[in-house]
């Protein structure tokens, strides 16, 4: 990861992001094991208190010359995101932040604009879209169930499916996926139901 940006948004599952960041930091010579300057914040909900604690920790001087924060929340509140704006706008020198999210749409546009975005979920979504298109109806329904159980990234999958259909010049199917893509912005829409519907109409 040849990225010198101080704040980074990484789209993927928690485990994917954790492995990605550790691997790339190690490749660049930054030690992630038993290093007090590598701080992992893995919480169920990253709220205003966590945002304030992050600001406090990031203001401290690094032991090794560079400090790295890996933030792995299951959820992050809007209040916390607004608090992070200032932290990311005016960071302590030699400090980097990596914030994980399953979907970019969960993060405020104003906060996204302060970060470099790395979508590691997209490669997986491309493969899933291609696989789905080749399946029988029965296998597609099984795919939908597994997709939901793994809590995969639905918008990324739909984007990749649209690209796949565009390459196939299947305009009719493309319009159907596009309509569902707009609905998928509603957090009450279940990914399993969306993909099951696609299984029947494509």
C-alpha atoms as a PDB file:
ATOM      1  CA  UNK A   1       0.000   0.000   0.000  1.00  0.00           C
ATOM      2  CA  UNK A   2       2.022   2.908  -1.262  1.00  0.00           C
ATOM      3  CA  UNK A   3      -0.172   5.502   0.345  1.00  0.00           C
ATOM      4  CA  UNK A   4       1.116   8.479   2.270  1.00  0.00           C
ATOM      5  CA  UNK A   5      -2.286   9.913   3.091  1.00  0.00           C
ATOM      6  CA  UNK A   6      -2.739  10.440   6.821  1.00  0.00           C
ATOM      7  CA  UNK A   7      -6.403   9.339   6.868  1.00  0.00           C
ATOM      8  CA  UNK A   8      -7.707   6.336   4.969  1.00  0.00           C
ATOM      9  CA  UNK A   9     -11.137   4.771   4.582  1.00  0.00           C
ATOM     10  CA  UNK A  10     -10.976   1.076   3.738  1.00  0.00           C
ATOM     11  CA  UNK A  11     -14.121  -0.630   2.486  1.00  0.00           C
ATOM     12  CA  UNK A  12     -14.308  -4.307   3.443  1.00  0.00           C
ATOM     13  CA  UNK A  13     -15.070  -6.630   6.323  1.00  0.00           C
ATOM     14  CA  UNK A  14     -13.274  -6.153   9.616  1.00  0.00           C
ATOM     15  CA  UNK A  15     -11.050  -9.199   9.102  1.00  0.00           C
ATOM     16  CA  UNK A  16     -10.247  -8.208   5.504  1.00  0.00           C
ATOM     17  CA  UNK A  17      -9.260  -4.696   6.543  1.00  0.00           C
ATOM     18  CA  UNK A  18      -7.223  -5.947   9.500  1.00  0.00           C
ATOM     19  CA  UNK A  19      -5.242  -8.360   7.344  1.00  0.00           C
ATOM     20  CA  UNK A  20      -4.855  -5.826   4.529  1.00  0.00           C
ATOM     21  CA  UNK A  21      -3.511  -3.072   6.765  1.00  0.00           C
ATOM     22  CA  UNK A  22      -1.175  -5.325   8.750  1.00  0.00           C
ATOM     23  CA  UNK A  23       0.234  -6.892   5.590  1.00  0.00           C
ATOM     24  CA  UNK A  24       0.837  -3.600   3.832  1.00  0.00           C
ATOM     25  CA  UNK A  25       2.283  -1.864   6.869  1.00  0.00           C
ATOM     26  CA  UNK A  26       4.678  -4.773   7.342  1.00  0.00           C
ATOM     27  CA  UNK A  27       5.677  -4.561   3.672  1.00  0.00           C
ATOM     28  CA  UNK A  28       6.558  -0.903   4.183  1.00  0.00           C
ATOM     29  CA  UNK A  29       8.737  -1.714   7.207  1.00  0.00           C
ATOM     30  CA  UNK A  30       6.293  -0.730   9.954  1.00  0.00           C
ATOM     31  CA  UNK A  31       6.180  -3.331  12.747  1.00  0.00           C
ATOM     32  CA  UNK A  32       2.622  -4.212  13.787  1.00  0.00           C
ATOM     33  CA  UNK A  33       3.413  -6.839  16.438  1.00  0.00           C
ATOM     34  CA  UNK A  34       4.089  -5.683  20.005  1.00  0.00           C
ATOM     35  CA  UNK A  35       4.398  -2.108  18.799  1.00  0.00           C
ATOM     36  CA  UNK A  36       2.880   0.544  21.122  1.00  0.00           C
ATOM     37  CA  UNK A  37       2.608   2.871  18.101  1.00  0.00           C
ATOM     38  CA  UNK A  38       0.223   0.492  16.322  1.00  0.00           C
ATOM     39  CA  UNK A  39      -3.125   0.960  18.039  1.00  0.00           C
ATOM     40  CA  UNK A  40      -6.143  -1.144  17.074  1.00  0.00           C
ATOM     41  CA  UNK A  41      -9.542   0.136  18.183  1.00  0.00           C
ATOM     42  CA  UNK A  42     -12.010  -2.723  17.617  1.00  0.00           C
ATOM     43  CA  UNK A  43     -15.399  -1.824  19.087  1.00  0.00           C
ATOM     44  CA  UNK A  44     -19.064  -2.635  18.537  1.00  0.00           C
ATOM     45  CA  UNK A  45     -20.034   1.034  18.370  1.00  0.00           C
ATOM     46  CA  UNK A  46     -17.591   3.878  17.795  1.00  0.00           C
ATOM     47  CA  UNK A  47     -19.273   6.845  19.444  1.00  0.00           C
ATOM     48  CA  UNK A  48     -18.354  10.320  20.613  1.00  0.00           C
ATOM     49  CA  UNK A  49     -16.412   9.012  23.632  1.00  0.00           C
ATOM     50  CA  UNK A  50     -14.285   6.795  21.385  1.00  0.00           C
ATOM     51  CA  UNK A  51     -13.709   9.701  18.994  1.00  0.00           C
ATOM     52  CA  UNK A  52     -12.489  11.885  21.850  1.00  0.00           C
ATOM     53  CA  UNK A  53     -10.226   9.105  23.136  1.00  0.00           C
ATOM     54  CA  UNK A  54      -8.790   8.689  19.648  1.00  0.00           C
ATOM     55  CA  UNK A  55      -8.026  12.405  19.503  1.00  0.00           C
ATOM     56  CA  UNK A  56      -6.320  12.205  22.899  1.00  0.00           C
ATOM     57  CA  UNK A  57      -4.232   9.169  21.963  1.00  0.00           C
ATOM     58  CA  UNK A  58      -3.249  10.612  18.598  1.00  0.00           C
ATOM     59  CA  UNK A  59      -1.960  13.795  20.227  1.00  0.00           C
ATOM     60  CA  UNK A  60       0.729  11.823  22.069  1.00  0.00           C
ATOM     61  CA  UNK A  61       4.181  11.557  20.573  1.00  0.00           C
ATOM     62  CA  UNK A  62       5.089   8.287  18.880  1.00  0.00           C
ATOM     63  CA  UNK A  63       7.787   6.072  20.380  1.00  0.00           C
ATOM     64  CA  UNK A  64       9.123   4.925  17.023  1.00  0.00           C
ATOM     65  CA  UNK A  65       8.653   8.078  14.957  1.00  0.00           C
ATOM     66  CA  UNK A  66       5.278   7.112  13.431  1.00  0.00           C
ATOM     67  CA  UNK A  67       1.943   6.229  15.022  1.00  0.00           C
ATOM     68  CA  UNK A  68      -0.780   4.234  13.246  1.00  0.00           C
ATOM     69  CA  UNK A  69      -4.413   3.809  14.301  1.00  0.00           C
ATOM     70  CA  UNK A  70      -6.591   1.028  12.913  1.00  0.00           C
ATOM     71  CA  UNK A  71     -10.263   1.697  13.694  1.00  0.00           C
ATOM     72  CA  UNK A  72     -12.539  -1.348  13.310  1.00  0.00           C
ATOM     73  CA  UNK A  73     -16.087  -0.486  14.399  1.00  0.00           C
ATOM     74  CA  UNK A  74     -19.173  -2.556  13.727  1.00  0.00           C
ATOM     75  CA  UNK A  75     -21.053   0.746  13.774  1.00  0.00           C
ATOM     76  CA  UNK A  76     -19.947   4.378  13.892  1.00  0.00           C
ATOM     77  CA  UNK A  77     -22.302   7.136  15.011  1.00  0.00           C
ATOM     78  CA  UNK A  78     -22.882  10.357  13.091  1.00  0.00           C
ATOM     79  CA  UNK A  79     -21.773  12.304  16.164  1.00  0.00           C
ATOM     80  CA  UNK A  80     -18.475  10.430  16.202  1.00  0.00           C
ATOM     81  CA  UNK A  81     -17.953  11.000  12.483  1.00  0.00           C
ATOM     82  CA  UNK A  82     -18.433  14.725  12.923  1.00  0.00           C
ATOM     83  CA  UNK A  83     -15.917  14.667  15.779  1.00  0.00           C
ATOM     84  CA  UNK A  84     -13.397  12.884  13.560  1.00  0.00           C
ATOM     85  CA  UNK A  85     -13.527  15.703  11.011  1.00  0.00           C
ATOM     86  CA  UNK A  86     -11.294  17.909  13.133  1.00  0.00           C
ATOM     87  CA  UNK A  87      -8.929  15.052  14.021  1.00  0.00           C
ATOM     88  CA  UNK A  88      -8.447  14.157  10.362  1.00  0.00           C
ATOM     89  CA  UNK A  89      -8.220  17.791   9.208  1.00  0.00           C
ATOM     90  CA  UNK A  90      -5.466  18.700  11.641  1.00  0.00           C
ATOM     91  CA  UNK A  91      -3.610  15.492  12.544  1.00  0.00           C
ATOM     92  CA  UNK A  92      -0.555  15.175  14.734  1.00  0.00           C
ATOM     93  CA  UNK A  93       2.559  14.880  12.526  1.00  0.00           C
ATOM     94  CA  UNK A  94       3.630  11.317  11.623  1.00  0.00           C
ATOM     95  CA  UNK A  95       0.215   9.900  12.475  1.00  0.00           C
ATOM     96  CA  UNK A  96      -1.942   7.754  10.193  1.00  0.00           C
ATOM     97  CA  UNK A  97      -5.531   6.600  10.538  1.00  0.00           C
ATOM     98  CA  UNK A  98      -7.222   3.621   8.875  1.00  0.00           C
ATOM     99  CA  UNK A  99     -10.980   3.474   9.320  1.00  0.00           C
ATOM    100  CA  UNK A 100     -12.817   0.305   8.264  1.00  0.00           C
ATOM    101  CA  UNK A 101     -16.377   0.230   6.935  1.00  0.00           C
ATOM    102  CA  UNK A 102     -18.449  -2.459   5.239  1.00  0.00           C
ATOM    103  CA  UNK A 103     -20.028   0.155   2.984  1.00  0.00           C
ATOM    104  CA  UNK A 104     -18.792   3.584   1.983  1.00  0.00           C
ATOM    105  CA  UNK A 105     -22.367   4.895   2.161  1.00  0.00           C
ATOM    106  CA  UNK A 106     -22.276   4.501   5.963  1.00  0.00           C
ATOM    107  CA  UNK A 107     -19.714   7.317   6.199  1.00  0.00           C
ATOM    108  CA  UNK A 108     -20.606  11.002   5.896  1.00  0.00           C
ATOM    109  CA  UNK A 109     -19.491  12.560   2.577  1.00  0.00           C
ATOM    110  CA  UNK A 110     -17.760  15.355   4.490  1.00  0.00           C
ATOM    111  CA  UNK A 111     -15.643  12.798   6.354  1.00  0.00           C
ATOM    112  CA  UNK A 112     -14.975  10.748   3.212  1.00  0.00           C
ATOM    113  CA  UNK A 113     -13.641  13.904   1.567  1.00  0.00           C
ATOM    114  CA  UNK A 114     -10.892  14.048   4.220  1.00  0.00           C
ATOM    115  CA  UNK A 115      -9.711  10.521   3.455  1.00  0.00           C
ATOM    116  CA  UNK A 116      -8.158   8.390   0.766  1.00  0.00           C
ATOM    117  CA  UNK A 117     -10.608   5.594  -0.096  1.00  0.00           C
ATOM    118  CA  UNK A 118      -9.385   2.035  -0.659  1.00  0.00           C
ATOM    119  CA  UNK A 119     -12.086  -0.455  -1.672  1.00  0.00           C
ATOM    120  CA  UNK A 120     -10.791  -3.947  -1.005  1.00  0.00           C
ATOM    121  CA  UNK A 121     -14.351  -5.303  -1.150  1.00  0.00           C
ATOM    122  CA  UNK A 122     -14.633  -4.515  -4.862  1.00  0.00           C
ATOM    123  CA  UNK A 123     -12.420  -7.393  -6.048  1.00  0.00           C
ATOM    124  CA  UNK A 124     -14.491  -9.878  -4.091  1.00  0.00           C
ATOM    125  CA  UNK A 125     -17.698  -8.315  -5.421  1.00  0.00           C
ATOM    126  CA  UNK A 126     -16.509  -8.631  -9.028  1.00  0.00           C
ATOM    127  CA  UNK A 127     -15.925 -12.350  -8.570  1.00  0.00           C
ATOM    128  CA  UNK A 128     -19.264 -12.790  -6.807  1.00  0.00           C
ATOM    129  CA  UNK A 129     -21.150 -10.982  -9.593  1.00  0.00           C
ATOM    130  CA  UNK A 130     -19.569 -13.165 -12.264  1.00  0.00           C
ATOM    131  CA  UNK A 131     -20.275 -16.316 -10.227  1.00  0.00           C
ATOM    132  CA  UNK A 132     -23.905 -15.326  -9.608  1.00  0.00           C
ATOM    133  CA  UNK A 133     -24.587 -14.704 -13.297  1.00  0.00           C
ATOM    134  CA  UNK A 134     -23.507 -18.220 -14.221  1.00  0.00           C
ATOM    135  CA  UNK A 135     -25.625 -20.020 -11.615  1.00  0.00           C
ATOM    136  CA  UNK A 136     -28.921 -21.865 -11.987  1.00  0.00           C
ATOM    137  CA  UNK A 137     -31.977 -20.509 -10.174  1.00  0.00           C
ATOM    138  CA  UNK A 138     -31.613 -23.001  -7.320  1.00  0.00           C
ATOM    139  CA  UNK A 139     -27.927 -22.176  -6.908  1.00  0.00           C
ATOM    140  CA  UNK A 140     -28.677 -18.442  -7.022  1.00  0.00           C
ATOM    141  CA  UNK A 141     -31.076 -18.792  -4.101  1.00  0.00           C
ATOM    142  CA  UNK A 142     -28.401 -20.659  -2.150  1.00  0.00           C
ATOM    143  CA  UNK A 143     -25.957 -17.908  -3.097  1.00  0.00           C
ATOM    144  CA  UNK A 144     -28.378 -15.298  -1.713  1.00  0.00           C
ATOM    145  CA  UNK A 145     -28.601 -17.110   1.606  1.00  0.00           C
ATOM    146  CA  UNK A 146     -24.826 -17.412   1.982  1.00  0.00           C
ATOM    147  CA  UNK A 147     -24.328 -13.798   0.905  1.00  0.00           C
ATOM    148  CA  UNK A 148     -26.658 -12.606   3.667  1.00  0.00           C
ATOM    149  CA  UNK A 149     -25.137 -14.917   6.299  1.00  0.00           C
ATOM    150  CA  UNK A 150     -21.668 -13.520   5.564  1.00  0.00           C
ATOM    151  CA  UNK A 151     -23.013  -9.937   5.617  1.00  0.00           C
ATOM    152  CA  UNK A 152     -21.363  -9.174   2.308  1.00  0.00           C
ATOM    153  CA  UNK A 153     -21.337  -5.688   0.800  1.00  0.00           C
ATOM    154  CA  UNK A 154     -24.586  -5.432  -1.202  1.00  0.00           C
ATOM    155  CA  UNK A 155     -23.952  -2.075  -2.983  1.00  0.00           C
ATOM    156  CA  UNK A 156     -20.499  -3.265  -4.111  1.00  0.00           C
ATOM    157  CA  UNK A 157     -22.025  -6.501  -5.413  1.00  0.00           C
ATOM    158  CA  UNK A 158     -24.759  -4.638  -7.308  1.00  0.00           C
ATOM    159  CA  UNK A 159     -22.227  -2.208  -8.793  1.00  0.00           C
ATOM    160  CA  UNK A 160     -20.128  -5.117 -10.027  1.00  0.00           C
ATOM    161  CA  UNK A 161     -23.191  -6.910 -11.379  1.00  0.00           C
ATOM    162  CA  UNK A 162     -24.153  -3.782 -13.328  1.00  0.00           C
ATOM    163  CA  UNK A 163     -20.663  -3.565 -14.809  1.00  0.00           C
ATOM    164  CA  UNK A 164     -20.863  -7.236 -15.767  1.00  0.00           C
ATOM    165  CA  UNK A 165     -24.251  -6.758 -17.461  1.00  0.00           C
ATOM    166  CA  UNK A 166     -23.049  -3.609 -19.204  1.00  0.00           C
ATOM    167  CA  UNK A 167     -20.153  -5.553 -20.711  1.00  0.00           C
ATOM    168  CA  UNK A 168     -22.683  -8.170 -21.856  1.00  0.00           C
ATOM    169  CA  UNK A 169     -24.828  -5.333 -23.285  1.00  0.00           C
ATOM    170  CA  UNK A 170     -27.856  -6.705 -21.441  1.00  0.00           C
ATOM    171  CA  UNK A 171     -29.702  -3.390 -21.055  1.00  0.00           C
ATOM    172  CA  UNK A 172     -32.944  -4.941 -19.839  1.00  0.00           C
ATOM    173  CA  UNK A 173     -31.251  -6.749 -16.952  1.00  0.00           C
ATOM    174  CA  UNK A 174     -29.093  -3.713 -16.240  1.00  0.00           C
ATOM    175  CA  UNK A 175     -32.186  -1.547 -15.671  1.00  0.00           C
ATOM    176  CA  UNK A 176     -33.596  -4.095 -13.214  1.00  0.00           C
ATOM    177  CA  UNK A 177     -30.388  -4.144 -11.185  1.00  0.00           C
ATOM    178  CA  UNK A 178     -30.190  -0.347 -11.253  1.00  0.00           C
ATOM    179  CA  UNK A 179     -33.679  -0.048  -9.751  1.00  0.00           C
ATOM    180  CA  UNK A 180     -32.696  -2.423  -6.967  1.00  0.00           C
ATOM    181  CA  UNK A 181     -29.433  -0.521  -6.433  1.00  0.00           C
ATOM    182  CA  UNK A 182     -31.442   2.591  -5.608  1.00  0.00           C
ATOM    183  CA  UNK A 183     -33.546   0.616  -3.141  1.00  0.00           C
ATOM    184  CA  UNK A 184     -30.469  -0.881  -1.506  1.00  0.00           C
ATOM    185  CA  UNK A 185     -29.659   2.532  -0.048  1.00  0.00           C
ATOM    186  CA  UNK A 186     -32.554   1.863   2.344  1.00  0.00           C
ATOM    187  CA  UNK A 187     -30.976   0.139   5.355  1.00  0.00           C
ATOM    188  CA  UNK A 188     -34.241  -1.751   5.978  1.00  0.00           C
ATOM    189  CA  UNK A 189     -33.801  -3.665   2.725  1.00  0.00           C
ATOM    190  CA  UNK A 190     -32.362  -7.146   3.374  1.00  0.00           C
ATOM    191  CA  UNK A 191     -29.602  -8.249   0.999  1.00  0.00           C
ATOM    192  CA  UNK A 192     -31.015 -11.779   0.850  1.00  0.00           C
ATOM    193  CA  UNK A 193     -34.381 -10.508  -0.446  1.00  0.00           C
ATOM    194  CA  UNK A 194     -32.669  -8.298  -3.039  1.00  0.00           C
ATOM    195  CA  UNK A 195     -30.566 -11.130  -4.435  1.00  0.00           C
ATOM    196  CA  UNK A 196     -33.446 -13.602  -4.314  1.00  0.00           C
ATOM    197  CA  UNK A 197     -35.485 -11.142  -6.368  1.00  0.00           C
ATOM    198  CA  UNK A 198     -32.620 -10.801  -8.852  1.00  0.00           C
ATOM    199  CA  UNK A 199     -32.447 -14.578  -9.052  1.00  0.00           C
ATOM    200  CA  UNK A 200     -36.021 -14.656 -10.302  1.00  0.00           C
ATOM    201  CA  UNK A 201     -36.004 -11.675 -12.676  1.00  0.00           C
ATOM    202  CA  UNK A 202     -32.616 -11.935 -14.391  1.00  0.00           C
END
